[in-house]
Amino acid sequence: RKKKDPAQDIPGSSDGTAALYAQSL
């Protein structure tokens, strides 16, 4: 598997996962 680019990780993503991530934290 290709390594995931950490820059593409959740914070600041445009699909609403950033809010979910913040809530989870």
PDBML (XML) file of the C-alpha atoms, coordinates in Angstrom:
<?xml version="1.0" encoding="UTF-8" ?>
<PDBx:datablock datablockName="MODEL"
   xmlns:PDBx="http://pdbml.pdb.org/schema/pdbx-v50.xsd"
   xmlns:xsi="http://www.w3.org/2001/XMLSchema-instance"
   xsi:schemaLocation="http://pdbml.pdb.org/schema/pdbx-v50.xsd pdbx-v50.xsd">
   <PDBx:atom_siteCategory>
      <PDBx:atom_site id="1">
         <PDBx:B_iso_or_equiv>0.00</PDBx:B_iso_or_equiv>
         <PDBx:Cartn_x>0.000</PDBx:Cartn_x>
         <PDBx:Cartn_y>0.000</PDBx:Cartn_y>
         <PDBx:Cartn_z>0.000</PDBx:Cartn_z>
         <PDBx:auth_asym_id>A</PDBx:auth_asym_id>
         <PDBx:auth_atom_id>CA</PDBx:auth_atom_id>
         <PDBx:auth_comp_id>ARG</PDBx:auth_comp_id>
         <PDBx:auth_seq_id>1</PDBx:auth_seq_id>
         <PDBx:group_PDB>ATOM</PDBx:group_PDB>
         <PDBx:label_alt_id xsi:nil="true" />
         <PDBx:label_asym_id>A</PDBx:label_asym_id>
         <PDBx:label_atom_id>CA</PDBx:label_atom_id>
         <PDBx:label_comp_id>ARG</PDBx:label_comp_id>
         <PDBx:label_entity_id>1</PDBx:label_entity_id>
         <PDBx:label_seq_id>1</PDBx:label_seq_id>
         <PDBx:occupancy>1.00</PDBx:occupancy>
         <PDBx:pdbx_PDB_model_num>1</PDBx:pdbx_PDB_model_num>
         <PDBx:type_symbol>C</PDBx:type_symbol>
      </PDBx:atom_site>
      <PDBx:atom_site id="2">
         <PDBx:B_iso_or_equiv>0.00</PDBx:B_iso_or_equiv>
         <PDBx:Cartn_x>1.092</PDBx:Cartn_x>
         <PDBx:Cartn_y>3.512</PDBx:Cartn_y>
         <PDBx:Cartn_z>-0.725</PDBx:Cartn_z>
         <PDBx:auth_asym_id>A</PDBx:auth_asym_id>
         <PDBx:auth_atom_id>CA</PDBx:auth_atom_id>
         <PDBx:auth_comp_id>LYS</PDBx:auth_comp_id>
         <PDBx:auth_seq_id>2</PDBx:auth_seq_id>
         <PDBx:group_PDB>ATOM</PDBx:group_PDB>
         <PDBx:label_alt_id xsi:nil="true" />
         <PDBx:label_asym_id>A</PDBx:label_asym_id>
         <PDBx:label_atom_id>CA</PDBx:label_atom_id>
         <PDBx:label_comp_id>LYS</PDBx:label_comp_id>
         <PDBx:label_entity_id>1</PDBx:label_entity_id>
         <PDBx:label_seq_id>2</PDBx:label_seq_id>
         <PDBx:occupancy>1.00</PDBx:occupancy>
         <PDBx:pdbx_PDB_model_num>1</PDBx:pdbx_PDB_model_num>
         <PDBx:type_symbol>C</PDBx:type_symbol>
      </PDBx:atom_site>
      <PDBx:atom_site id="3">
         <PDBx:B_iso_or_equiv>0.00</PDBx:B_iso_or_equiv>
         <PDBx:Cartn_x>1.868</PDBx:Cartn_x>
         <PDBx:Cartn_y>5.599</PDBx:Cartn_y>
         <PDBx:Cartn_z>2.313</PDBx:Cartn_z>
         <PDBx:auth_asym_id>A</PDBx:auth_asym_id>
         <PDBx:auth_atom_id>CA</PDBx:auth_atom_id>
         <PDBx:auth_comp_id>LYS</PDBx:auth_comp_id>
         <PDBx:auth_seq_id>3</PDBx:auth_seq_id>
         <PDBx:group_PDB>ATOM</PDBx:group_PDB>
         <PDBx:label_alt_id xsi:nil="true" />
         <PDBx:label_asym_id>A</PDBx:label_asym_id>
         <PDBx:label_atom_id>CA</PDBx:label_atom_id>
         <PDBx:label_comp_id>LYS</PDBx:label_comp_id>
         <PDBx:label_entity_id>1</PDBx:label_entity_id>
         <PDBx:label_seq_id>3</PDBx:label_seq_id>
         <PDBx:occupancy>1.00</PDBx:occupancy>
         <PDBx:pdbx_PDB_model_num>1</PDBx:pdbx_PDB_model_num>
         <PDBx:type_symbol>C</PDBx:type_symbol>
      </PDBx:atom_site>
      <PDBx:atom_site id="4">
         <PDBx:B_iso_or_equiv>0.00</PDBx:B_iso_or_equiv>
         <PDBx:Cartn_x>-0.800</PDBx:Cartn_x>
         <PDBx:Cartn_y>8.132</PDBx:Cartn_y>
         <PDBx:Cartn_z>3.188</PDBx:Cartn_z>
         <PDBx:auth_asym_id>A</PDBx:auth_asym_id>
         <PDBx:auth_atom_id>CA</PDBx:auth_atom_id>
         <PDBx:auth_comp_id>LYS</PDBx:auth_comp_id>
         <PDBx:auth_seq_id>4</PDBx:auth_seq_id>
         <PDBx:group_PDB>ATOM</PDBx:group_PDB>
         <PDBx:label_alt_id xsi:nil="true" />
         <PDBx:label_asym_id>A</PDBx:label_asym_id>
         <PDBx:label_atom_id>CA</PDBx:label_atom_id>
         <PDBx:label_comp_id>LYS</PDBx:label_comp_id>
         <PDBx:label_entity_id>1</PDBx:label_entity_id>
         <PDBx:label_seq_id>4</PDBx:label_seq_id>
         <PDBx:occupancy>1.00</PDBx:occupancy>
         <PDBx:pdbx_PDB_model_num>1</PDBx:pdbx_PDB_model_num>
         <PDBx:type_symbol>C</PDBx:type_symbol>
      </PDBx:atom_site>
      <PDBx:atom_site id="5">
         <PDBx:B_iso_or_equiv>0.00</PDBx:B_iso_or_equiv>
         <PDBx:Cartn_x>0.266</PDBx:Cartn_x>
         <PDBx:Cartn_y>11.745</PDBx:Cartn_y>
         <PDBx:Cartn_z>2.878</PDBx:Cartn_z>
         <PDBx:auth_asym_id>A</PDBx:auth_asym_id>
         <PDBx:auth_atom_id>CA</PDBx:auth_atom_id>
         <PDBx:auth_comp_id>ASP</PDBx:auth_comp_id>
         <PDBx:auth_seq_id>5</PDBx:auth_seq_id>
         <PDBx:group_PDB>ATOM</PDBx:group_PDB>
         <PDBx:label_alt_id xsi:nil="true" />
         <PDBx:label_asym_id>A</PDBx:label_asym_id>
         <PDBx:label_atom_id>CA</PDBx:label_atom_id>
         <PDBx:label_comp_id>ASP</PDBx:label_comp_id>
         <PDBx:label_entity_id>1</PDBx:label_entity_id>
         <PDBx:label_seq_id>5</PDBx:label_seq_id>
         <PDBx:occupancy>1.00</PDBx:occupancy>
         <PDBx:pdbx_PDB_model_num>1</PDBx:pdbx_PDB_model_num>
         <PDBx:type_symbol>C</PDBx:type_symbol>
      </PDBx:atom_site>
      <PDBx:atom_site id="6">
         <PDBx:B_iso_or_equiv>0.00</PDBx:B_iso_or_equiv>
         <PDBx:Cartn_x>0.000</PDBx:Cartn_x>
         <PDBx:Cartn_y>13.281</PDBx:Cartn_y>
         <PDBx:Cartn_z>6.365</PDBx:Cartn_z>
         <PDBx:auth_asym_id>A</PDBx:auth_asym_id>
         <PDBx:auth_atom_id>CA</PDBx:auth_atom_id>
         <PDBx:auth_comp_id>PRO</PDBx:auth_comp_id>
         <PDBx:auth_seq_id>6</PDBx:auth_seq_id>
         <PDBx:group_PDB>ATOM</PDBx:group_PDB>
         <PDBx:label_alt_id xsi:nil="true" />
         <PDBx:label_asym_id>A</PDBx:label_asym_id>
         <PDBx:label_atom_id>CA</PDBx:label_atom_id>
         <PDBx:label_comp_id>PRO</PDBx:label_comp_id>
         <PDBx:label_entity_id>1</PDBx:label_entity_id>
         <PDBx:label_seq_id>6</PDBx:label_seq_id>
         <PDBx:occupancy>1.00</PDBx:occupancy>
         <PDBx:pdbx_PDB_model_num>1</PDBx:pdbx_PDB_model_num>
         <PDBx:type_symbol>C</PDBx:type_symbol>
      </PDBx:atom_site>
      <PDBx:atom_site id="7">
         <PDBx:B_iso_or_equiv>0.00</PDBx:B_iso_or_equiv>
         <PDBx:Cartn_x>-0.793</PDBx:Cartn_x>
         <PDBx:Cartn_y>16.639</PDBx:Cartn_y>
         <PDBx:Cartn_z>4.774</PDBx:Cartn_z>
         <PDBx:auth_asym_id>A</PDBx:auth_asym_id>
         <PDBx:auth_atom_id>CA</PDBx:auth_atom_id>
         <PDBx:auth_comp_id>ALA</PDBx:auth_comp_id>
         <PDBx:auth_seq_id>7</PDBx:auth_seq_id>
         <PDBx:group_PDB>ATOM</PDBx:group_PDB>
         <PDBx:label_alt_id xsi:nil="true" />
         <PDBx:label_asym_id>A</PDBx:label_asym_id>
         <PDBx:label_atom_id>CA</PDBx:label_atom_id>
         <PDBx:label_comp_id>ALA</PDBx:label_comp_id>
         <PDBx:label_entity_id>1</PDBx:label_entity_id>
         <PDBx:label_seq_id>7</PDBx:label_seq_id>
         <PDBx:occupancy>1.00</PDBx:occupancy>
         <PDBx:pdbx_PDB_model_num>1</PDBx:pdbx_PDB_model_num>
         <PDBx:type_symbol>C</PDBx:type_symbol>
      </PDBx:atom_site>
      <PDBx:atom_site id="8">
         <PDBx:B_iso_or_equiv>0.00</PDBx:B_iso_or_equiv>
         <PDBx:Cartn_x>-4.068</PDBx:Cartn_x>
         <PDBx:Cartn_y>15.154</PDBx:Cartn_y>
         <PDBx:Cartn_z>3.536</PDBx:Cartn_z>
         <PDBx:auth_asym_id>A</PDBx:auth_asym_id>
         <PDBx:auth_atom_id>CA</PDBx:auth_atom_id>
         <PDBx:auth_comp_id>GLN</PDBx:auth_comp_id>
         <PDBx:auth_seq_id>8</PDBx:auth_seq_id>
         <PDBx:group_PDB>ATOM</PDBx:group_PDB>
         <PDBx:label_alt_id xsi:nil="true" />
         <PDBx:label_asym_id>A</PDBx:label_asym_id>
         <PDBx:label_atom_id>CA</PDBx:label_atom_id>
         <PDBx:label_comp_id>GLN</PDBx:label_comp_id>
         <PDBx:label_entity_id>1</PDBx:label_entity_id>
         <PDBx:label_seq_id>8</PDBx:label_seq_id>
         <PDBx:occupancy>1.00</PDBx:occupancy>
         <PDBx:pdbx_PDB_model_num>1</PDBx:pdbx_PDB_model_num>
         <PDBx:type_symbol>C</PDBx:type_symbol>
      </PDBx:atom_site>
      <PDBx:atom_site id="9">
         <PDBx:B_iso_or_equiv>0.00</PDBx:B_iso_or_equiv>
         <PDBx:Cartn_x>-5.035</PDBx:Cartn_x>
         <PDBx:Cartn_y>14.122</PDBx:Cartn_y>
         <PDBx:Cartn_z>7.058</PDBx:Cartn_z>
         <PDBx:auth_asym_id>A</PDBx:auth_asym_id>
         <PDBx:auth_atom_id>CA</PDBx:auth_atom_id>
         <PDBx:auth_comp_id>ASP</PDBx:auth_comp_id>
         <PDBx:auth_seq_id>9</PDBx:auth_seq_id>
         <PDBx:group_PDB>ATOM</PDBx:group_PDB>
         <PDBx:label_alt_id xsi:nil="true" />
         <PDBx:label_asym_id>A</PDBx:label_asym_id>
         <PDBx:label_atom_id>CA</PDBx:label_atom_id>
         <PDBx:label_comp_id>ASP</PDBx:label_comp_id>
         <PDBx:label_entity_id>1</PDBx:label_entity_id>
         <PDBx:label_seq_id>9</PDBx:label_seq_id>
         <PDBx:occupancy>1.00</PDBx:occupancy>
         <PDBx:pdbx_PDB_model_num>1</PDBx:pdbx_PDB_model_num>
         <PDBx:type_symbol>C</PDBx:type_symbol>
      </PDBx:atom_site>
      <PDBx:atom_site id="10">
         <PDBx:B_iso_or_equiv>0.00</PDBx:B_iso_or_equiv>
         <PDBx:Cartn_x>-8.343</PDBx:Cartn_x>
         <PDBx:Cartn_y>15.082</PDBx:Cartn_y>
         <PDBx:Cartn_z>8.620</PDBx:Cartn_z>
         <PDBx:auth_asym_id>A</PDBx:auth_asym_id>
         <PDBx:auth_atom_id>CA</PDBx:auth_atom_id>
         <PDBx:auth_comp_id>ILE</PDBx:auth_comp_id>
         <PDBx:auth_seq_id>10</PDBx:auth_seq_id>
         <PDBx:group_PDB>ATOM</PDBx:group_PDB>
         <PDBx:label_alt_id xsi:nil="true" />
         <PDBx:label_asym_id>A</PDBx:label_asym_id>
         <PDBx:label_atom_id>CA</PDBx:label_atom_id>
         <PDBx:label_comp_id>ILE</PDBx:label_comp_id>
         <PDBx:label_entity_id>1</PDBx:label_entity_id>
         <PDBx:label_seq_id>10</PDBx:label_seq_id>
         <PDBx:occupancy>1.00</PDBx:occupancy>
         <PDBx:pdbx_PDB_model_num>1</PDBx:pdbx_PDB_model_num>
         <PDBx:type_symbol>C</PDBx:type_symbol>
      </PDBx:atom_site>
      <PDBx:atom_site id="11">
         <PDBx:B_iso_or_equiv>0.00</PDBx:B_iso_or_equiv>
         <PDBx:Cartn_x>-7.902</PDBx:Cartn_x>
         <PDBx:Cartn_y>18.604</PDBx:Cartn_y>
         <PDBx:Cartn_z>10.069</PDBx:Cartn_z>
         <PDBx:auth_asym_id>A</PDBx:auth_asym_id>
         <PDBx:auth_atom_id>CA</PDBx:auth_atom_id>
         <PDBx:auth_comp_id>PRO</PDBx:auth_comp_id>
         <PDBx:auth_seq_id>11</PDBx:auth_seq_id>
         <PDBx:group_PDB>ATOM</PDBx:group_PDB>
         <PDBx:label_alt_id xsi:nil="true" />
         <PDBx:label_asym_id>A</PDBx:label_asym_id>
         <PDBx:label_atom_id>CA</PDBx:label_atom_id>
         <PDBx:label_comp_id>PRO</PDBx:label_comp_id>
         <PDBx:label_entity_id>1</PDBx:label_entity_id>
         <PDBx:label_seq_id>11</PDBx:label_seq_id>
         <PDBx:occupancy>1.00</PDBx:occupancy>
         <PDBx:pdbx_PDB_model_num>1</PDBx:pdbx_PDB_model_num>
         <PDBx:type_symbol>C</PDBx:type_symbol>
      </PDBx:atom_site>
      <PDBx:atom_site id="12">
         <PDBx:B_iso_or_equiv>0.00</PDBx:B_iso_or_equiv>
         <PDBx:Cartn_x>-9.130</PDBx:Cartn_x>
         <PDBx:Cartn_y>21.187</PDBx:Cartn_y>
         <PDBx:Cartn_z>7.567</PDBx:Cartn_z>
         <PDBx:auth_asym_id>A</PDBx:auth_asym_id>
         <PDBx:auth_atom_id>CA</PDBx:auth_atom_id>
         <PDBx:auth_comp_id>GLY</PDBx:auth_comp_id>
         <PDBx:auth_seq_id>12</PDBx:auth_seq_id>
         <PDBx:group_PDB>ATOM</PDBx:group_PDB>
         <PDBx:label_alt_id xsi:nil="true" />
         <PDBx:label_asym_id>A</PDBx:label_asym_id>
         <PDBx:label_atom_id>CA</PDBx:label_atom_id>
         <PDBx:label_comp_id>GLY</PDBx:label_comp_id>
         <PDBx:label_entity_id>1</PDBx:label_entity_id>
         <PDBx:label_seq_id>12</PDBx:label_seq_id>
         <PDBx:occupancy>1.00</PDBx:occupancy>
         <PDBx:pdbx_PDB_model_num>1</PDBx:pdbx_PDB_model_num>
         <PDBx:type_symbol>C</PDBx:type_symbol>
      </PDBx:atom_site>
      <PDBx:atom_site id="13">
         <PDBx:B_iso_or_equiv>0.00</PDBx:B_iso_or_equiv>
         <PDBx:Cartn_x>-10.633</PDBx:Cartn_x>
         <PDBx:Cartn_y>18.687</PDBx:Cartn_y>
         <PDBx:Cartn_z>5.143</PDBx:Cartn_z>
         <PDBx:auth_asym_id>A</PDBx:auth_asym_id>
         <PDBx:auth_atom_id>CA</PDBx:auth_atom_id>
         <PDBx:auth_comp_id>SER</PDBx:auth_comp_id>
         <PDBx:auth_seq_id>13</PDBx:auth_seq_id>
         <PDBx:group_PDB>ATOM</PDBx:group_PDB>
         <PDBx:label_alt_id xsi:nil="true" />
         <PDBx:label_asym_id>A</PDBx:label_asym_id>
         <PDBx:label_atom_id>CA</PDBx:label_atom_id>
         <PDBx:label_comp_id>SER</PDBx:label_comp_id>
         <PDBx:label_entity_id>1</PDBx:label_entity_id>
         <PDBx:label_seq_id>13</PDBx:label_seq_id>
         <PDBx:occupancy>1.00</PDBx:occupancy>
         <PDBx:pdbx_PDB_model_num>1</PDBx:pdbx_PDB_model_num>
         <PDBx:type_symbol>C</PDBx:type_symbol>
      </PDBx:atom_site>
      <PDBx:atom_site id="14">
         <PDBx:B_iso_or_equiv>0.00</PDBx:B_iso_or_equiv>
         <PDBx:Cartn_x>-13.577</PDBx:Cartn_x>
         <PDBx:Cartn_y>19.883</PDBx:Cartn_y>
         <PDBx:Cartn_z>3.109</PDBx:Cartn_z>
         <PDBx:auth_asym_id>A</PDBx:auth_asym_id>
         <PDBx:auth_atom_id>CA</PDBx:auth_atom_id>
         <PDBx:auth_comp_id>SER</PDBx:auth_comp_id>
         <PDBx:auth_seq_id>14</PDBx:auth_seq_id>
         <PDBx:group_PDB>ATOM</PDBx:group_PDB>
         <PDBx:label_alt_id xsi:nil="true" />
         <PDBx:label_asym_id>A</PDBx:label_asym_id>
         <PDBx:label_atom_id>CA</PDBx:label_atom_id>
         <PDBx:label_comp_id>SER</PDBx:label_comp_id>
         <PDBx:label_entity_id>1</PDBx:label_entity_id>
         <PDBx:label_seq_id>14</PDBx:label_seq_id>
         <PDBx:occupancy>1.00</PDBx:occupancy>
         <PDBx:pdbx_PDB_model_num>1</PDBx:pdbx_PDB_model_num>
         <PDBx:type_symbol>C</PDBx:type_symbol>
      </PDBx:atom_site>
      <PDBx:atom_site id="15">
         <PDBx:B_iso_or_equiv>0.00</PDBx:B_iso_or_equiv>
         <PDBx:Cartn_x>-15.898</PDBx:Cartn_x>
         <PDBx:Cartn_y>16.891</PDBx:Cartn_y>
         <PDBx:Cartn_z>3.456</PDBx:Cartn_z>
         <PDBx:auth_asym_id>A</PDBx:auth_asym_id>
         <PDBx:auth_atom_id>CA</PDBx:auth_atom_id>
         <PDBx:auth_comp_id>ASP</PDBx:auth_comp_id>
         <PDBx:auth_seq_id>15</PDBx:auth_seq_id>
         <PDBx:group_PDB>ATOM</PDBx:group_PDB>
         <PDBx:label_alt_id xsi:nil="true" />
         <PDBx:label_asym_id>A</PDBx:label_asym_id>
         <PDBx:label_atom_id>CA</PDBx:label_atom_id>
         <PDBx:label_comp_id>ASP</PDBx:label_comp_id>
         <PDBx:label_entity_id>1</PDBx:label_entity_id>
         <PDBx:label_seq_id>15</PDBx:label_seq_id>
         <PDBx:occupancy>1.00</PDBx:occupancy>
         <PDBx:pdbx_PDB_model_num>1</PDBx:pdbx_PDB_model_num>
         <PDBx:type_symbol>C</PDBx:type_symbol>
      </PDBx:atom_site>
      <PDBx:atom_site id="16">
         <PDBx:B_iso_or_equiv>0.00</PDBx:B_iso_or_equiv>
         <PDBx:Cartn_x>-17.037</PDBx:Cartn_x>
         <PDBx:Cartn_y>17.630</PDBx:Cartn_y>
         <PDBx:Cartn_z>7.021</PDBx:Cartn_z>
         <PDBx:auth_asym_id>A</PDBx:auth_asym_id>
         <PDBx:auth_atom_id>CA</PDBx:auth_atom_id>
         <PDBx:auth_comp_id>GLY</PDBx:auth_comp_id>
         <PDBx:auth_seq_id>16</PDBx:auth_seq_id>
         <PDBx:group_PDB>ATOM</PDBx:group_PDB>
         <PDBx:label_alt_id xsi:nil="true" />
         <PDBx:label_asym_id>A</PDBx:label_asym_id>
         <PDBx:label_atom_id>CA</PDBx:label_atom_id>
         <PDBx:label_comp_id>GLY</PDBx:label_comp_id>
         <PDBx:label_entity_id>1</PDBx:label_entity_id>
         <PDBx:label_seq_id>16</PDBx:label_seq_id>
         <PDBx:occupancy>1.00</PDBx:occupancy>
         <PDBx:pdbx_PDB_model_num>1</PDBx:pdbx_PDB_model_num>
         <PDBx:type_symbol>C</PDBx:type_symbol>
      </PDBx:atom_site>
      <PDBx:atom_site id="17">
         <PDBx:B_iso_or_equiv>0.00</PDBx:B_iso_or_equiv>
         <PDBx:Cartn_x>-14.634</PDBx:Cartn_x>
         <PDBx:Cartn_y>15.239</PDBx:Cartn_y>
         <PDBx:Cartn_z>8.681</PDBx:Cartn_z>
         <PDBx:auth_asym_id>A</PDBx:auth_asym_id>
         <PDBx:auth_atom_id>CA</PDBx:auth_atom_id>
         <PDBx:auth_comp_id>THR</PDBx:auth_comp_id>
         <PDBx:auth_seq_id>17</PDBx:auth_seq_id>
         <PDBx:group_PDB>ATOM</PDBx:group_PDB>
         <PDBx:label_alt_id xsi:nil="true" />
         <PDBx:label_asym_id>A</PDBx:label_asym_id>
         <PDBx:label_atom_id>CA</PDBx:label_atom_id>
         <PDBx:label_comp_id>THR</PDBx:label_comp_id>
         <PDBx:label_entity_id>1</PDBx:label_entity_id>
         <PDBx:label_seq_id>17</PDBx:label_seq_id>
         <PDBx:occupancy>1.00</PDBx:occupancy>
         <PDBx:pdbx_PDB_model_num>1</PDBx:pdbx_PDB_model_num>
         <PDBx:type_symbol>C</PDBx:type_symbol>
      </PDBx:atom_site>
      <PDBx:atom_site id="18">
         <PDBx:B_iso_or_equiv>0.00</PDBx:B_iso_or_equiv>
         <PDBx:Cartn_x>-12.786</PDBx:Cartn_x>
         <PDBx:Cartn_y>18.148</PDBx:Cartn_y>
         <PDBx:Cartn_z>10.323</PDBx:Cartn_z>
         <PDBx:auth_asym_id>A</PDBx:auth_asym_id>
         <PDBx:auth_atom_id>CA</PDBx:auth_atom_id>
         <PDBx:auth_comp_id>ALA</PDBx:auth_comp_id>
         <PDBx:auth_seq_id>18</PDBx:auth_seq_id>
         <PDBx:group_PDB>ATOM</PDBx:group_PDB>
         <PDBx:label_alt_id xsi:nil="true" />
         <PDBx:label_asym_id>A</PDBx:label_asym_id>
         <PDBx:label_atom_id>CA</PDBx:label_atom_id>
         <PDBx:label_comp_id>ALA</PDBx:label_comp_id>
         <PDBx:label_entity_id>1</PDBx:label_entity_id>
         <PDBx:label_seq_id>18</PDBx:label_seq_id>
         <PDBx:occupancy>1.00</PDBx:occupancy>
         <PDBx:pdbx_PDB_model_num>1</PDBx:pdbx_PDB_model_num>
         <PDBx:type_symbol>C</PDBx:type_symbol>
      </PDBx:atom_site>
      <PDBx:atom_site id="19">
         <PDBx:B_iso_or_equiv>0.00</PDBx:B_iso_or_equiv>
         <PDBx:Cartn_x>-15.820</PDBx:Cartn_x>
         <PDBx:Cartn_y>18.931</PDBx:Cartn_y>
         <PDBx:Cartn_z>12.494</PDBx:Cartn_z>
         <PDBx:auth_asym_id>A</PDBx:auth_asym_id>
         <PDBx:auth_atom_id>CA</PDBx:auth_atom_id>
         <PDBx:auth_comp_id>ALA</PDBx:auth_comp_id>
         <PDBx:auth_seq_id>19</PDBx:auth_seq_id>
         <PDBx:group_PDB>ATOM</PDBx:group_PDB>
         <PDBx:label_alt_id xsi:nil="true" />
         <PDBx:label_asym_id>A</PDBx:label_asym_id>
         <PDBx:label_atom_id>CA</PDBx:label_atom_id>
         <PDBx:label_comp_id>ALA</PDBx:label_comp_id>
         <PDBx:label_entity_id>1</PDBx:label_entity_id>
         <PDBx:label_seq_id>19</PDBx:label_seq_id>
         <PDBx:occupancy>1.00</PDBx:occupancy>
         <PDBx:pdbx_PDB_model_num>1</PDBx:pdbx_PDB_model_num>
         <PDBx:type_symbol>C</PDBx:type_symbol>
      </PDBx:atom_site>
      <PDBx:atom_site id="20">
         <PDBx:B_iso_or_equiv>0.00</PDBx:B_iso_or_equiv>
         <PDBx:Cartn_x>-16.259</PDBx:Cartn_x>
         <PDBx:Cartn_y>15.257</PDBx:Cartn_y>
         <PDBx:Cartn_z>13.300</PDBx:Cartn_z>
         <PDBx:auth_asym_id>A</PDBx:auth_asym_id>
         <PDBx:auth_atom_id>CA</PDBx:auth_atom_id>
         <PDBx:auth_comp_id>LEU</PDBx:auth_comp_id>
         <PDBx:auth_seq_id>20</PDBx:auth_seq_id>
         <PDBx:group_PDB>ATOM</PDBx:group_PDB>
         <PDBx:label_alt_id xsi:nil="true" />
         <PDBx:label_asym_id>A</PDBx:label_asym_id>
         <PDBx:label_atom_id>CA</PDBx:label_atom_id>
         <PDBx:label_comp_id>LEU</PDBx:label_comp_id>
         <PDBx:label_entity_id>1</PDBx:label_entity_id>
         <PDBx:label_seq_id>20</PDBx:label_seq_id>
         <PDBx:occupancy>1.00</PDBx:occupancy>
         <PDBx:pdbx_PDB_model_num>1</PDBx:pdbx_PDB_model_num>
         <PDBx:type_symbol>C</PDBx:type_symbol>
      </PDBx:atom_site>
      <PDBx:atom_site id="21">
         <PDBx:B_iso_or_equiv>0.00</PDBx:B_iso_or_equiv>
         <PDBx:Cartn_x>-12.569</PDBx:Cartn_x>
         <PDBx:Cartn_y>15.037</PDBx:Cartn_y>
         <PDBx:Cartn_z>14.129</PDBx:Cartn_z>
         <PDBx:auth_asym_id>A</PDBx:auth_asym_id>
         <PDBx:auth_atom_id>CA</PDBx:auth_atom_id>
         <PDBx:auth_comp_id>TYR</PDBx:auth_comp_id>
         <PDBx:auth_seq_id>21</PDBx:auth_seq_id>
         <PDBx:group_PDB>ATOM</PDBx:group_PDB>
         <PDBx:label_alt_id xsi:nil="true" />
         <PDBx:label_asym_id>A</PDBx:label_asym_id>
         <PDBx:label_atom_id>CA</PDBx:label_atom_id>
         <PDBx:label_comp_id>TYR</PDBx:label_comp_id>
         <PDBx:label_entity_id>1</PDBx:label_entity_id>
         <PDBx:label_seq_id>21</PDBx:label_seq_id>
         <PDBx:occupancy>1.00</PDBx:occupancy>
         <PDBx:pdbx_PDB_model_num>1</PDBx:pdbx_PDB_model_num>
         <PDBx:type_symbol>C</PDBx:type_symbol>
      </PDBx:atom_site>
      <PDBx:atom_site id="22">
         <PDBx:B_iso_or_equiv>0.00</PDBx:B_iso_or_equiv>
         <PDBx:Cartn_x>-12.811</PDBx:Cartn_x>
         <PDBx:Cartn_y>18.041</PDBx:Cartn_y>
         <PDBx:Cartn_z>16.480</PDBx:Cartn_z>
         <PDBx:auth_asym_id>A</PDBx:auth_asym_id>
         <PDBx:auth_atom_id>CA</PDBx:auth_atom_id>
         <PDBx:auth_comp_id>ALA</PDBx:auth_comp_id>
         <PDBx:auth_seq_id>22</PDBx:auth_seq_id>
         <PDBx:group_PDB>ATOM</PDBx:group_PDB>
         <PDBx:label_alt_id xsi:nil="true" />
         <PDBx:label_asym_id>A</PDBx:label_asym_id>
         <PDBx:label_atom_id>CA</PDBx:label_atom_id>
         <PDBx:label_comp_id>ALA</PDBx:label_comp_id>
         <PDBx:label_entity_id>1</PDBx:label_entity_id>
         <PDBx:label_seq_id>22</PDBx:label_seq_id>
         <PDBx:occupancy>1.00</PDBx:occupancy>
         <PDBx:pdbx_PDB_model_num>1</PDBx:pdbx_PDB_model_num>
         <PDBx:type_symbol>C</PDBx:type_symbol>
      </PDBx:atom_site>
      <PDBx:atom_site id="23">
         <PDBx:B_iso_or_equiv>0.00</PDBx:B_iso_or_equiv>
         <PDBx:Cartn_x>-15.896</PDBx:Cartn_x>
         <PDBx:Cartn_y>16.573</PDBx:Cartn_y>
         <PDBx:Cartn_z>18.181</PDBx:Cartn_z>
         <PDBx:auth_asym_id>A</PDBx:auth_asym_id>
         <PDBx:auth_atom_id>CA</PDBx:auth_atom_id>
         <PDBx:auth_comp_id>GLN</PDBx:auth_comp_id>
         <PDBx:auth_seq_id>23</PDBx:auth_seq_id>
         <PDBx:group_PDB>ATOM</PDBx:group_PDB>
         <PDBx:label_alt_id xsi:nil="true" />
         <PDBx:label_asym_id>A</PDBx:label_asym_id>
         <PDBx:label_atom_id>CA</PDBx:label_atom_id>
         <PDBx:label_comp_id>GLN</PDBx:label_comp_id>
         <PDBx:label_entity_id>1</PDBx:label_entity_id>
         <PDBx:label_seq_id>23</PDBx:label_seq_id>
         <PDBx:occupancy>1.00</PDBx:occupancy>
         <PDBx:pdbx_PDB_model_num>1</PDBx:pdbx_PDB_model_num>
         <PDBx:type_symbol>C</PDBx:type_symbol>
      </PDBx:atom_site>
      <PDBx:atom_site id="24">
         <PDBx:B_iso_or_equiv>0.00</PDBx:B_iso_or_equiv>
         <PDBx:Cartn_x>-14.127</PDBx:Cartn_x>
         <PDBx:Cartn_y>13.262</PDBx:Cartn_y>
         <PDBx:Cartn_z>18.609</PDBx:Cartn_z>
         <PDBx:auth_asym_id>A</PDBx:auth_asym_id>
         <PDBx:auth_atom_id>CA</PDBx:auth_atom_id>
         <PDBx:auth_comp_id>SER</PDBx:auth_comp_id>
         <PDBx:auth_seq_id>24</PDBx:auth_seq_id>
         <PDBx:group_PDB>ATOM</PDBx:group_PDB>
         <PDBx:label_alt_id xsi:nil="true" />
         <PDBx:label_asym_id>A</PDBx:label_asym_id>
         <PDBx:label_atom_id>CA</PDBx:label_atom_id>
         <PDBx:label_comp_id>SER</PDBx:label_comp_id>
         <PDBx:label_entity_id>1</PDBx:label_entity_id>
         <PDBx:label_seq_id>24</PDBx:label_seq_id>
         <PDBx:occupancy>1.00</PDBx:occupancy>
         <PDBx:pdbx_PDB_model_num>1</PDBx:pdbx_PDB_model_num>
         <PDBx:type_symbol>C</PDBx:type_symbol>
      </PDBx:atom_site>
      <PDBx:atom_site id="25">
         <PDBx:B_iso_or_equiv>0.00</PDBx:B_iso_or_equiv>
         <PDBx:Cartn_x>-11.117</PDBx:Cartn_x>
         <PDBx:Cartn_y>14.968</PDBx:Cartn_y>
         <PDBx:Cartn_z>20.182</PDBx:Cartn_z>
         <PDBx:auth_asym_id>A</PDBx:auth_asym_id>
         <PDBx:auth_atom_id>CA</PDBx:auth_atom_id>
         <PDBx:auth_comp_id>LEU</PDBx:auth_comp_id>
         <PDBx:auth_seq_id>25</PDBx:auth_seq_id>
         <PDBx:group_PDB>ATOM</PDBx:group_PDB>
         <PDBx:label_alt_id xsi:nil="true" />
         <PDBx:label_asym_id>A</PDBx:label_asym_id>
         <PDBx:label_atom_id>CA</PDBx:label_atom_id>
         <PDBx:label_comp_id>LEU</PDBx:label_comp_id>
         <PDBx:label_entity_id>1</PDBx:label_entity_id>
         <PDBx:label_seq_id>25</PDBx:label_seq_id>
         <PDBx:occupancy>1.00</PDBx:occupancy>
         <PDBx:pdbx_PDB_model_num>1</PDBx:pdbx_PDB_model_num>
         <PDBx:type_symbol>C</PDBx:type_symbol>
      </PDBx:atom_site>
   </PDBx:atom_siteCategory>
</PDBx:datablock>
